[in-house]
Amino acid sequence: MNFDQIDKKLLKLLQSDSKQTNKALAHALGLSVTAVFERIKKLENNGVIKSYVALVDKKTIEKTFVAFCHVKLVQHSQDYVVKFEREVKKIEEVLECYHLSGDYDYLLKVIVEDMEEFRDFMVNKLTKIDHIGSTHSMFMINEVKHTTAITI
């Protein structure tokens, strides 16, 4: 899909605050409310805008322990990959999961309350998935940058 400058600015505004009214967006873009509504509908219908979400502050819900786990499967067969991906999607502590090239097969971003909860996650959830050969975990010291906004 080709984006004009107005679409790009509209997406930037929505990514910074999706609760803005169409009237406020229209004012910022110099368009009518109807034109903004139609542009947003087009972006939604074309799958550019997938959903609207609330971003929760980790500190306020006491989930500040962030770990990144590399996972290597014992074998990279289709059955093992499909099963691992199906099972890892069910684990609520896993915020993100990426299938990778390189030494490890997957990278998981995990969020829990503390080290004790992370150990419980590893022992009772992650490593109970069949066909995991090895894992390697790293823990966040400080969050330097965190954004969900994608520049168009």
N, C-alpha and C. Protein backbone atom coordinates (compact mmCIF):
# COMPACT_ATOMS: atom_id res chain seq x y z
N MET A 1 0.85 -1.19 0.00
CA MET A 1 0.00 0.00 0.00
C MET A 1 0.88 1.24 0.00
N ASN A 2 0.53 2.19 -0.82
CA ASN A 2 1.26 3.46 -0.86
C ASN A 2 0.65 4.43 0.14
N PHE A 3 1.50 5.12 0.86
CA PHE A 3 1.06 6.07 1.86
C PHE A 3 1.44 7.47 1.42
N ASP A 4 0.49 8.40 1.46
CA ASP A 4 0.85 9.79 1.22
C ASP A 4 1.28 10.40 2.56
N GLN A 5 1.68 11.66 2.52
CA GLN A 5 2.18 12.32 3.74
C GLN A 5 1.11 12.40 4.82
N ILE A 6 -0.13 12.55 4.42
CA ILE A 6 -1.22 12.64 5.41
C ILE A 6 -1.41 11.29 6.10
N ASP A 7 -1.38 10.20 5.33
CA ASP A 7 -1.48 8.87 5.94
C ASP A 7 -0.35 8.65 6.94
N LYS A 8 0.85 9.03 6.55
CA LYS A 8 2.01 8.85 7.42
C LYS A 8 1.85 9.65 8.72
N LYS A 9 1.40 10.88 8.59
CA LYS A 9 1.21 11.72 9.78
C LYS A 9 0.06 11.17 10.64
N LEU A 10 -1.01 10.71 9.99
CA LEU A 10 -2.14 10.13 10.71
C LEU A 10 -1.70 8.90 11.50
N LEU A 11 -0.93 8.02 10.87
CA LEU A 11 -0.44 6.83 11.56
C LEU A 11 0.48 7.19 12.73
N LYS A 12 1.30 8.21 12.54
CA LYS A 12 2.17 8.65 13.64
C LYS A 12 1.33 9.17 14.82
N LEU A 13 0.30 9.95 14.51
CA LEU A 13 -0.57 10.48 15.56
C LEU A 13 -1.31 9.36 16.29
N LEU A 14 -1.84 8.40 15.53
CA LEU A 14 -2.57 7.29 16.14
C LEU A 14 -1.65 6.40 16.98
N GLN A 15 -0.42 6.21 16.53
CA GLN A 15 0.51 5.37 17.30
C GLN A 15 0.94 6.06 18.59
N SER A 16 0.91 7.38 18.61
CA SER A 16 1.28 8.08 19.85
C SER A 16 0.11 8.13 20.82
N ASP A 17 -1.13 8.16 20.29
CA ASP A 17 -2.32 8.18 21.15
C ASP A 17 -3.53 7.79 20.30
N SER A 18 -3.92 6.53 20.38
CA SER A 18 -5.02 6.05 19.55
C SER A 18 -6.39 6.46 20.09
N LYS A 19 -6.43 7.10 21.25
CA LYS A 19 -7.70 7.54 21.81
C LYS A 19 -8.07 8.96 21.37
N GLN A 20 -7.24 9.57 20.54
CA GLN A 20 -7.57 10.90 20.05
C GLN A 20 -8.88 10.84 19.26
N THR A 21 -9.67 11.86 19.38
CA THR A 21 -10.92 11.90 18.62
C THR A 21 -10.62 12.21 17.16
N ASN A 22 -11.54 11.82 16.31
CA ASN A 22 -11.39 12.16 14.89
C ASN A 22 -11.35 13.67 14.70
N LYS A 23 -12.05 14.40 15.57
CA LYS A 23 -12.04 15.87 15.50
C LYS A 23 -10.64 16.40 15.79
N ALA A 24 -9.99 15.86 16.82
CA ALA A 24 -8.63 16.31 17.15
C ALA A 24 -7.65 15.93 16.04
N LEU A 25 -7.82 14.74 15.49
CA LEU A 25 -6.96 14.32 14.38
C LEU A 25 -7.18 15.20 13.15
N ALA A 26 -8.44 15.50 12.88
CA ALA A 26 -8.77 16.36 11.73
C ALA A 26 -8.11 17.74 11.89
N HIS A 27 -8.18 18.27 13.10
CA HIS A 27 -7.55 19.57 13.37
C HIS A 27 -6.03 19.50 13.14
N ALA A 28 -5.39 18.44 13.64
CA ALA A 28 -3.94 18.30 13.50
C ALA A 28 -3.52 18.11 12.05
N LEU A 29 -4.39 17.48 11.26
CA LEU A 29 -4.05 17.19 9.87
C LEU A 29 -4.59 18.21 8.88
N GLY A 30 -5.44 19.11 9.35
CA GLY A 30 -6.04 20.09 8.45
C GLY A 30 -7.06 19.46 7.50
N LEU A 31 -7.78 18.45 7.99
CA LEU A 31 -8.78 17.76 7.19
C LEU A 31 -10.14 17.84 7.87
N SER A 32 -11.16 17.40 7.17
CA SER A 32 -12.48 17.30 7.79
C SER A 32 -12.54 16.02 8.63
N VAL A 33 -13.46 15.98 9.55
CA VAL A 33 -13.65 14.79 10.40
C VAL A 33 -14.00 13.59 9.51
N THR A 34 -14.83 13.81 8.51
CA THR A 34 -15.23 12.73 7.60
C THR A 34 -14.02 12.18 6.85
N ALA A 35 -13.15 13.06 6.39
CA ALA A 35 -11.95 12.61 5.65
C ALA A 35 -11.04 11.77 6.55
N VAL A 36 -10.90 12.17 7.80
CA VAL A 36 -10.08 11.41 8.75
C VAL A 36 -10.72 10.04 9.00
N PHE A 37 -12.02 10.04 9.23
CA PHE A 37 -12.74 8.78 9.45
C PHE A 37 -12.53 7.83 8.28
N GLU A 38 -12.66 8.33 7.06
CA GLU A 38 -12.51 7.50 5.86
C GLU A 38 -11.08 6.97 5.73
N ARG A 39 -10.09 7.80 6.04
CA ARG A 39 -8.69 7.35 5.98
C ARG A 39 -8.43 6.26 7.01
N ILE A 40 -8.93 6.42 8.21
CA ILE A 40 -8.74 5.42 9.26
C ILE A 40 -9.42 4.11 8.85
N LYS A 41 -10.63 4.18 8.34
CA LYS A 41 -11.33 2.97 7.88
C LYS A 41 -10.54 2.27 6.78
N LYS A 42 -9.98 3.02 5.85
CA LYS A 42 -9.18 2.44 4.77
C LYS A 42 -7.95 1.74 5.34
N LEU A 43 -7.28 2.38 6.30
CA LEU A 43 -6.09 1.78 6.92
C LEU A 43 -6.47 0.50 7.69
N GLU A 44 -7.61 0.51 8.36
CA GLU A 44 -8.09 -0.68 9.07
C GLU A 44 -8.44 -1.79 8.08
N ASN A 45 -9.20 -1.45 7.05
CA ASN A 45 -9.65 -2.44 6.07
C ASN A 45 -8.49 -3.07 5.29
N ASN A 46 -7.42 -2.31 5.10
CA ASN A 46 -6.24 -2.83 4.39
C ASN A 46 -5.27 -3.55 5.33
N GLY A 47 -5.63 -3.66 6.60
CA GLY A 47 -4.79 -4.39 7.55
C GLY A 47 -3.58 -3.63 8.04
N VAL A 48 -3.49 -2.35 7.73
CA VAL A 48 -2.37 -1.54 8.22
C VAL A 48 -2.52 -1.34 9.72
N ILE A 49 -3.72 -0.97 10.14
CA ILE A 49 -4.03 -0.88 11.57
C ILE A 49 -4.67 -2.20 11.96
N LYS A 50 -3.95 -2.97 12.81
CA LYS A 50 -4.42 -4.29 13.20
C LYS A 50 -5.35 -4.25 14.41
N SER A 51 -5.04 -3.39 15.37
CA SER A 51 -5.86 -3.31 16.58
C SER A 51 -5.50 -2.06 17.37
N TYR A 52 -6.30 -1.78 18.36
CA TYR A 52 -6.06 -0.68 19.29
C TYR A 52 -5.88 -1.30 20.66
N VAL A 53 -4.82 -0.92 21.36
CA VAL A 53 -4.52 -1.55 22.65
C VAL A 53 -4.17 -0.50 23.70
N ALA A 54 -4.22 -0.93 24.95
CA ALA A 54 -3.75 -0.11 26.06
C ALA A 54 -2.39 -0.65 26.48
N LEU A 55 -1.40 0.22 26.61
CA LEU A 55 -0.08 -0.19 27.06
C LEU A 55 -0.03 -0.02 28.58
N VAL A 56 0.29 -1.10 29.26
CA VAL A 56 0.29 -1.12 30.72
C VAL A 56 1.70 -0.87 31.24
N ASP A 57 1.82 -0.06 32.27
CA ASP A 57 3.11 0.24 32.90
C ASP A 57 3.53 -0.96 33.75
N LYS A 58 4.67 -1.56 33.43
CA LYS A 58 5.17 -2.75 34.15
C LYS A 58 5.31 -2.50 35.64
N LYS A 59 5.76 -1.32 36.02
CA LYS A 59 6.00 -1.03 37.43
C LYS A 59 4.71 -1.02 38.24
N THR A 60 3.66 -0.48 37.67
CA THR A 60 2.41 -0.36 38.44
C THR A 60 1.75 -1.72 38.68
N ILE A 61 2.08 -2.72 37.86
CA ILE A 61 1.52 -4.06 38.07
C ILE A 61 2.56 -5.03 38.62
N GLU A 62 3.72 -4.48 39.00
CA GLU A 62 4.81 -5.25 39.62
C GLU A 62 5.26 -6.43 38.76
N LYS A 63 5.44 -6.15 37.47
CA LYS A 63 6.00 -7.14 36.54
C LYS A 63 7.19 -6.48 35.85
N THR A 64 8.26 -6.28 36.60
CA THR A 64 9.41 -5.54 36.07
C THR A 64 10.60 -6.43 35.74
N PHE A 65 10.49 -7.72 35.96
CA PHE A 65 11.59 -8.63 35.67
C PHE A 65 11.42 -9.11 34.23
N VAL A 66 12.28 -8.60 33.36
CA VAL A 66 12.20 -8.94 31.93
C VAL A 66 13.39 -9.81 31.58
N ALA A 67 13.10 -10.93 30.94
CA ALA A 67 14.16 -11.85 30.52
C ALA A 67 14.00 -12.14 29.03
N PHE A 68 15.13 -12.40 28.41
CA PHE A 68 15.16 -12.83 27.02
C PHE A 68 15.73 -14.24 27.00
N CYS A 69 14.97 -15.16 26.47
CA CYS A 69 15.37 -16.57 26.49
C CYS A 69 15.59 -17.07 25.07
N HIS A 70 16.80 -17.55 24.84
CA HIS A 70 17.07 -18.27 23.59
C HIS A 70 16.65 -19.72 23.81
N VAL A 71 16.03 -20.30 22.81
CA VAL A 71 15.59 -21.69 22.89
C VAL A 71 16.10 -22.42 21.65
N LYS A 72 16.71 -23.58 21.90
CA LYS A 72 17.14 -24.44 20.80
C LYS A 72 16.37 -25.75 20.89
N LEU A 73 15.76 -26.15 19.80
CA LEU A 73 15.06 -27.42 19.76
C LEU A 73 16.06 -28.55 19.51
N VAL A 74 15.72 -29.76 19.94
CA VAL A 74 16.63 -30.89 19.74
C VAL A 74 16.78 -31.20 18.26
N GLN A 75 15.73 -30.91 17.51
CA GLN A 75 15.76 -31.14 16.07
C GLN A 75 14.84 -30.11 15.44
N HIS A 76 15.21 -29.64 14.28
CA HIS A 76 14.43 -28.58 13.63
C HIS A 76 13.45 -29.17 12.62
N SER A 77 12.69 -30.17 13.04
CA SER A 77 11.71 -30.78 12.14
C SER A 77 10.41 -29.98 12.18
N GLN A 78 9.60 -30.14 11.17
CA GLN A 78 8.34 -29.41 11.10
C GLN A 78 7.45 -29.72 12.31
N ASP A 79 7.39 -30.98 12.70
CA ASP A 79 6.56 -31.37 13.85
C ASP A 79 7.01 -30.66 15.13
N TYR A 80 8.31 -30.62 15.39
CA TYR A 80 8.83 -29.99 16.60
C TYR A 80 8.57 -28.49 16.59
N VAL A 81 8.78 -27.86 15.44
CA VAL A 81 8.56 -26.42 15.30
C VAL A 81 7.09 -26.09 15.54
N VAL A 82 6.20 -26.80 14.90
CA VAL A 82 4.77 -26.54 15.04
C VAL A 82 4.32 -26.73 16.48
N LYS A 83 4.77 -27.80 17.11
CA LYS A 83 4.37 -28.07 18.50
C LYS A 83 4.92 -26.99 19.43
N PHE A 84 6.20 -26.64 19.28
CA PHE A 84 6.78 -25.62 20.15
C PHE A 84 6.00 -24.31 20.00
N GLU A 85 5.77 -23.87 18.78
CA GLU A 85 5.10 -22.60 18.56
C GLU A 85 3.68 -22.62 19.11
N ARG A 86 2.98 -23.71 18.95
CA ARG A 86 1.62 -23.83 19.48
C ARG A 86 1.64 -23.71 21.01
N GLU A 87 2.57 -24.41 21.65
CA GLU A 87 2.64 -24.43 23.12
C GLU A 87 3.12 -23.10 23.69
N VAL A 88 4.09 -22.47 23.06
CA VAL A 88 4.64 -21.23 23.62
C VAL A 88 3.61 -20.09 23.53
N LYS A 89 2.73 -20.14 22.54
CA LYS A 89 1.68 -19.13 22.42
C LYS A 89 0.72 -19.16 23.61
N LYS A 90 0.63 -20.28 24.28
CA LYS A 90 -0.29 -20.44 25.42
C LYS A 90 0.28 -19.89 26.73
N ILE A 91 1.57 -19.61 26.76
CA ILE A 91 2.23 -19.19 28.02
C ILE A 91 2.10 -17.68 28.18
N GLU A 92 1.36 -17.26 29.19
CA GLU A 92 1.06 -15.83 29.35
C GLU A 92 2.28 -14.97 29.66
N GLU A 93 3.30 -15.54 30.26
CA GLU A 93 4.50 -14.75 30.58
C GLU A 93 5.31 -14.38 29.34
N VAL A 94 5.10 -15.10 28.25
CA VAL A 94 5.82 -14.81 27.00
C VAL A 94 5.10 -13.70 26.26
N LEU A 95 5.76 -12.54 26.17
CA LEU A 95 5.17 -11.40 25.47
C LEU A 95 5.44 -11.47 23.97
N GLU A 96 6.62 -11.96 23.61
CA GLU A 96 7.01 -12.02 22.21
C GLU A 96 7.81 -13.30 21.98
N CYS A 97 7.67 -13.85 20.78
CA CYS A 97 8.43 -15.04 20.40
C CYS A 97 8.80 -14.91 18.94
N TYR A 98 10.09 -15.06 18.65
CA TYR A 98 10.60 -14.94 17.29
C TYR A 98 11.35 -16.20 16.89
N HIS A 99 11.06 -16.70 15.71
CA HIS A 99 11.80 -17.81 15.12
C HIS A 99 13.01 -17.19 14.44
N LEU A 100 14.21 -17.67 14.78
CA LEU A 100 15.45 -17.02 14.35
C LEU A 100 16.32 -17.90 13.48
N SER A 101 17.22 -17.25 12.78
CA SER A 101 18.35 -17.96 12.18
C SER A 101 19.49 -17.88 13.19
N GLY A 102 20.51 -18.68 13.00
CA GLY A 102 21.66 -18.61 13.91
C GLY A 102 21.74 -19.80 14.86
N ASP A 103 22.45 -19.60 15.97
CA ASP A 103 22.72 -20.68 16.91
C ASP A 103 21.48 -21.19 17.63
N TYR A 104 20.53 -20.33 17.91
CA TYR A 104 19.31 -20.73 18.60
C TYR A 104 18.13 -20.62 17.64
N ASP A 105 17.09 -21.38 17.93
CA ASP A 105 15.91 -21.41 17.06
C ASP A 105 14.90 -20.30 17.37
N TYR A 106 14.80 -19.93 18.65
CA TYR A 106 13.79 -18.96 19.06
C TYR A 106 14.36 -17.97 20.07
N LEU A 107 13.77 -16.79 20.08
CA LEU A 107 14.04 -15.79 21.11
C LEU A 107 12.70 -15.40 21.72
N LEU A 108 12.60 -15.52 23.05
CA LEU A 108 11.39 -15.17 23.77
C LEU A 108 11.64 -13.95 24.64
N LYS A 109 10.67 -13.07 24.70
CA LYS A 109 10.69 -11.98 25.67
C LYS A 109 9.68 -12.35 26.74
N VAL A 110 10.16 -12.45 27.96
CA VAL A 110 9.36 -12.94 29.08
C VAL A 110 9.27 -11.85 30.14
N ILE A 111 8.09 -11.69 30.72
CA ILE A 111 7.94 -10.72 31.81
C ILE A 111 7.27 -11.41 33.00
N VAL A 112 7.91 -11.23 34.15
CA VAL A 112 7.42 -11.81 35.41
C VAL A 112 7.69 -10.82 36.54
N GLU A 113 7.32 -11.22 37.75
CA GLU A 113 7.51 -10.33 38.91
C GLU A 113 8.96 -10.30 39.39
N ASP A 114 9.59 -11.47 39.48
CA ASP A 114 10.93 -11.53 40.06
C ASP A 114 11.63 -12.82 39.64
N MET A 115 12.83 -13.03 40.16
CA MET A 115 13.62 -14.21 39.80
C MET A 115 12.91 -15.51 40.20
N GLU A 116 12.25 -15.50 41.33
CA GLU A 116 11.53 -16.70 41.77
C GLU A 116 10.43 -17.08 40.77
N GLU A 117 9.70 -16.09 40.31
CA GLU A 117 8.65 -16.35 39.32
C GLU A 117 9.27 -16.77 37.97
N PHE A 118 10.44 -16.22 37.65
CA PHE A 118 11.10 -16.62 36.42
C PHE A 118 11.52 -18.09 36.50
N ARG A 119 12.07 -18.49 37.63
CA ARG A 119 12.45 -19.89 37.81
C ARG A 119 11.24 -20.80 37.66
N ASP A 120 10.12 -20.40 38.26
CA ASP A 120 8.89 -21.18 38.14
C ASP A 120 8.46 -21.27 36.67
N PHE A 121 8.56 -20.17 35.95
CA PHE A 121 8.24 -20.15 34.52
C PHE A 121 9.12 -21.15 33.76
N MET A 122 10.41 -21.11 34.03
CA MET A 122 11.35 -21.99 33.31
C MET A 122 11.08 -23.47 33.64
N VAL A 123 10.94 -23.78 34.92
CA VAL A 123 10.81 -25.16 35.36
C VAL A 123 9.44 -25.75 35.05
N ASN A 124 8.39 -24.98 35.29
CA ASN A 124 7.04 -25.53 35.19
C ASN A 124 6.29 -25.21 33.90
N LYS A 125 6.85 -24.34 33.09
CA LYS A 125 6.14 -23.99 31.85
C LYS A 125 7.02 -24.20 30.62
N LEU A 126 8.09 -23.44 30.51
CA LEU A 126 8.87 -23.48 29.27
C LEU A 126 9.51 -24.84 29.03
N THR A 127 10.25 -25.34 30.00
CA THR A 127 10.98 -26.58 29.76
C THR A 127 10.09 -27.82 29.80
N LYS A 128 8.82 -27.64 30.08
CA LYS A 128 7.88 -28.77 29.98
C LYS A 128 7.45 -28.99 28.53
N ILE A 129 7.74 -28.04 27.67
CA ILE A 129 7.44 -28.22 26.24
C ILE A 129 8.42 -29.25 25.70
N ASP A 130 7.90 -30.24 25.01
CA ASP A 130 8.75 -31.30 24.45
C ASP A 130 9.72 -30.75 23.40
N HIS A 131 10.84 -31.44 23.28
CA HIS A 131 11.81 -31.24 22.21
C HIS A 131 12.67 -29.98 22.36
N ILE A 132 12.72 -29.41 23.58
CA ILE A 132 13.65 -28.30 23.81
C ILE A 132 15.00 -28.92 24.16
N GLY A 133 16.01 -28.56 23.37
CA GLY A 133 17.35 -29.09 23.61
C GLY A 133 18.10 -28.27 24.63
N SER A 134 18.03 -26.95 24.50
CA SER A 134 18.73 -26.08 25.45
C SER A 134 18.10 -24.70 25.46
N THR A 135 18.38 -23.98 26.55
CA THR A 135 17.92 -22.59 26.68
C THR A 135 19.09 -21.75 27.19
N HIS A 136 19.00 -20.48 26.94
CA HIS A 136 19.99 -19.53 27.43
C HIS A 136 19.23 -18.25 27.75
N SER A 137 19.33 -17.78 28.99
CA SER A 137 18.55 -16.61 29.40
C SER A 137 19.43 -15.43 29.75
N MET A 138 18.93 -14.25 29.44
CA MET A 138 19.57 -12.98 29.79
C MET A 138 18.51 -12.11 30.44
N PHE A 139 18.91 -11.27 31.38
CA PHE A 139 17.96 -10.46 32.12
C PHE A 139 18.19 -8.99 31.86
N MET A 140 17.11 -8.23 31.78
CA MET A 140 17.19 -6.79 31.53
C MET A 140 17.76 -6.10 32.77
N ILE A 141 18.74 -5.25 32.54
CA ILE A 141 19.28 -4.40 33.61
C ILE A 141 18.54 -3.07 33.61
N ASN A 142 18.36 -2.50 32.42
CA ASN A 142 17.69 -1.21 32.28
C ASN A 142 17.04 -1.14 30.91
N GLU A 143 15.83 -0.61 30.85
CA GLU A 143 15.15 -0.43 29.57
C GLU A 143 15.56 0.92 29.00
N VAL A 144 16.37 0.90 27.96
CA VAL A 144 16.89 2.12 27.36
C VAL A 144 15.89 2.72 26.37
N LYS A 145 15.26 1.86 25.60
CA LYS A 145 14.25 2.32 24.64
C LYS A 145 13.19 1.24 24.50
N HIS A 146 11.94 1.67 24.55
CA HIS A 146 10.81 0.76 24.34
C HIS A 146 9.75 1.54 23.58
N THR A 147 9.44 1.11 22.39
CA THR A 147 8.40 1.77 21.63
C THR A 147 7.61 0.73 20.86
N THR A 148 6.40 1.07 20.55
CA THR A 148 5.59 0.24 19.68
C THR A 148 5.35 0.94 18.35
N ALA A 149 5.80 2.18 18.25
CA ALA A 149 5.56 2.99 17.04
C ALA A 149 6.52 2.59 15.93
N ILE A 150 5.97 2.40 14.74
CA ILE A 150 6.75 2.09 13.54
C ILE A 150 6.71 3.30 12.62
N THR A 151 7.86 3.78 12.21
CA THR A 151 7.92 4.92 11.29
C THR A 151 7.54 4.46 9.89
N ILE A 152 6.63 5.17 9.26
CA ILE A 152 6.17 4.83 7.91
C ILE A 152 6.96 5.65 6.89
